[in-house]
Structures are given as structure tokens and as C-alpha cells.
């Protein structure tokens, strides 16, 4: 995992809010942008950072790109945090 990129991506409130939206399921950039008072270009920039960090995946369906959480990276991050806390992941 690219921890530096992951934590940089998570350091921004807007990006954390985007991840919160995506926990409900895949959304297009336009659907995501509808939840914020920022430009589409700014949303696109945030999505790029999240994608580069591996936190989201994109899937082109026709003329739309759907974004979704990359749960394997989320699980890896949670496993690392659990290990820091000394928790047994097999419980």
C-alpha cells in the first residue's frame, strides 16, 4: 500500500466526504459534484487524488464513469491500524 498517498488523500475533508458518499455505492462525478458547492474541475481533482491513492476505482459505462470505494485498500488500511493497536485480526 502507498501509505503516504493514502494519508495525503485522507487529510482533506472534501475527499473524506466523497469516500463517505461512495460507501453507499458507485456514483458518477456529476452525482458526486451535486453534493458540494465546488466546481466540477475541483471534484475531478479530488477524484484523481483518491484514485492515485488507490482508495477508489473507476468503471466506464457508456459515456459515464462510475466511482466506487476500493474496499481492498480500505481493508488493508484497517488491518494496519488494527495491528498498531495490537488487535488480533482473526478475532
Protein backbone atom coordinates (compact mmCIF):
# COMPACT_ATOMS: atom_id res chain seq x y z
CA UNK A 1 0.00 0.00 0.00
CA UNK A 2 1.13 3.55 -0.68
CA UNK A 3 0.62 4.94 2.82
CA UNK A 4 1.95 8.41 2.02
CA UNK A 5 -0.53 8.89 -0.84
CA UNK A 6 -3.34 7.27 1.15
CA UNK A 7 -2.90 9.55 4.15
CA UNK A 8 -2.48 12.62 1.94
CA UNK A 9 -5.77 11.74 0.25
CA UNK A 10 -7.47 11.22 3.61
CA UNK A 11 -6.13 14.51 5.01
CA UNK A 12 -8.68 16.54 3.05
CA UNK A 13 -12.25 16.92 4.35
CA UNK A 14 -13.81 17.01 0.87
CA UNK A 15 -12.10 13.76 -0.10
CA UNK A 16 -13.26 12.11 3.12
CA UNK A 17 -16.79 13.28 2.35
CA UNK A 18 -16.52 11.81 -1.16
CA UNK A 19 -15.50 8.47 0.36
CA UNK A 20 -18.49 8.71 2.69
CA UNK A 21 -20.79 9.20 -0.31
CA UNK A 22 -19.25 6.23 -2.11
CA UNK A 23 -19.82 3.87 0.81
CA UNK A 24 -23.48 3.82 -0.33
CA UNK A 25 -22.47 2.63 -3.81
CA UNK A 26 -20.99 3.79 -7.11
CA UNK A 27 -21.61 7.36 -8.29
CA UNK A 28 -20.68 9.42 -11.33
CA UNK A 29 -18.55 12.55 -10.97
CA UNK A 30 -21.66 14.64 -11.64
CA UNK A 31 -23.59 12.89 -8.88
CA UNK A 32 -20.69 13.44 -6.50
CA UNK A 33 -20.36 17.10 -7.52
CA UNK A 34 -24.04 17.62 -6.76
CA UNK A 35 -23.26 17.21 -3.06
CA UNK A 36 -20.71 20.05 -2.96
CA UNK A 37 -20.52 23.76 -3.68
CA UNK A 38 -17.29 23.44 -5.66
CA UNK A 39 -16.56 23.30 -9.39
CA UNK A 40 -16.63 20.11 -11.41
CA UNK A 41 -12.92 20.59 -12.07
CA UNK A 42 -12.24 20.63 -8.33
CA UNK A 43 -14.28 17.45 -7.82
CA UNK A 44 -12.33 15.86 -10.67
CA UNK A 45 -9.06 16.85 -8.98
CA UNK A 46 -10.18 15.27 -5.70
CA UNK A 47 -11.24 12.09 -7.53
CA UNK A 48 -7.81 11.92 -9.20
CA UNK A 49 -6.06 12.10 -5.84
CA UNK A 50 -8.33 9.41 -4.38
CA UNK A 51 -7.76 7.19 -7.40
CA UNK A 52 -3.98 7.70 -7.27
CA UNK A 53 -4.07 6.69 -3.60
CA UNK A 54 -5.94 3.54 -4.56
CA UNK A 55 -8.95 4.45 -2.40
CA UNK A 56 -11.41 4.49 -5.31
CA UNK A 57 -11.86 2.60 -8.55
CA UNK A 58 -13.49 3.85 -11.73
CA UNK A 59 -15.61 1.95 -14.21
CA UNK A 60 -16.62 3.40 -17.57
CA UNK A 61 -20.17 2.53 -18.55
CA UNK A 62 -21.05 4.15 -21.85
CA UNK A 63 -20.42 7.87 -21.58
CA UNK A 64 -20.31 7.82 -17.76
CA UNK A 65 -17.55 6.90 -15.35
CA UNK A 66 -18.73 5.44 -12.07
CA UNK A 67 -16.54 5.75 -8.99
CA UNK A 68 -16.62 3.30 -6.10
CA UNK A 69 -14.68 2.53 -2.95
CA UNK A 70 -11.75 0.18 -3.35
CA UNK A 71 -12.52 -1.99 -0.35
CA UNK A 72 -9.29 -3.99 -0.63
CA UNK A 73 -7.27 -0.85 0.15
CA UNK A 74 -9.71 0.16 2.89
CA UNK A 75 -9.37 -3.34 4.42
CA UNK A 76 -5.57 -3.16 4.17
CA UNK A 77 -5.57 0.22 5.89
CA UNK A 78 -7.88 -1.03 8.65
CA UNK A 79 -5.66 -4.09 9.12
CA UNK A 80 -2.60 -1.90 9.51
CA UNK A 81 -4.38 0.33 12.04
CA UNK A 82 -5.62 -2.73 13.95
CA UNK A 83 -2.06 -4.07 14.08
CA UNK A 84 -0.89 -0.75 15.52
CA UNK A 85 -3.49 -1.10 18.24
CA UNK A 86 -2.34 -4.67 18.89
CA UNK A 87 -5.68 -6.16 17.90
CA UNK A 88 -5.84 -9.69 16.53
CA UNK A 89 -7.41 -9.52 13.07
CA UNK A 90 -8.63 -13.11 13.34
CA UNK A 91 -10.98 -12.45 16.26
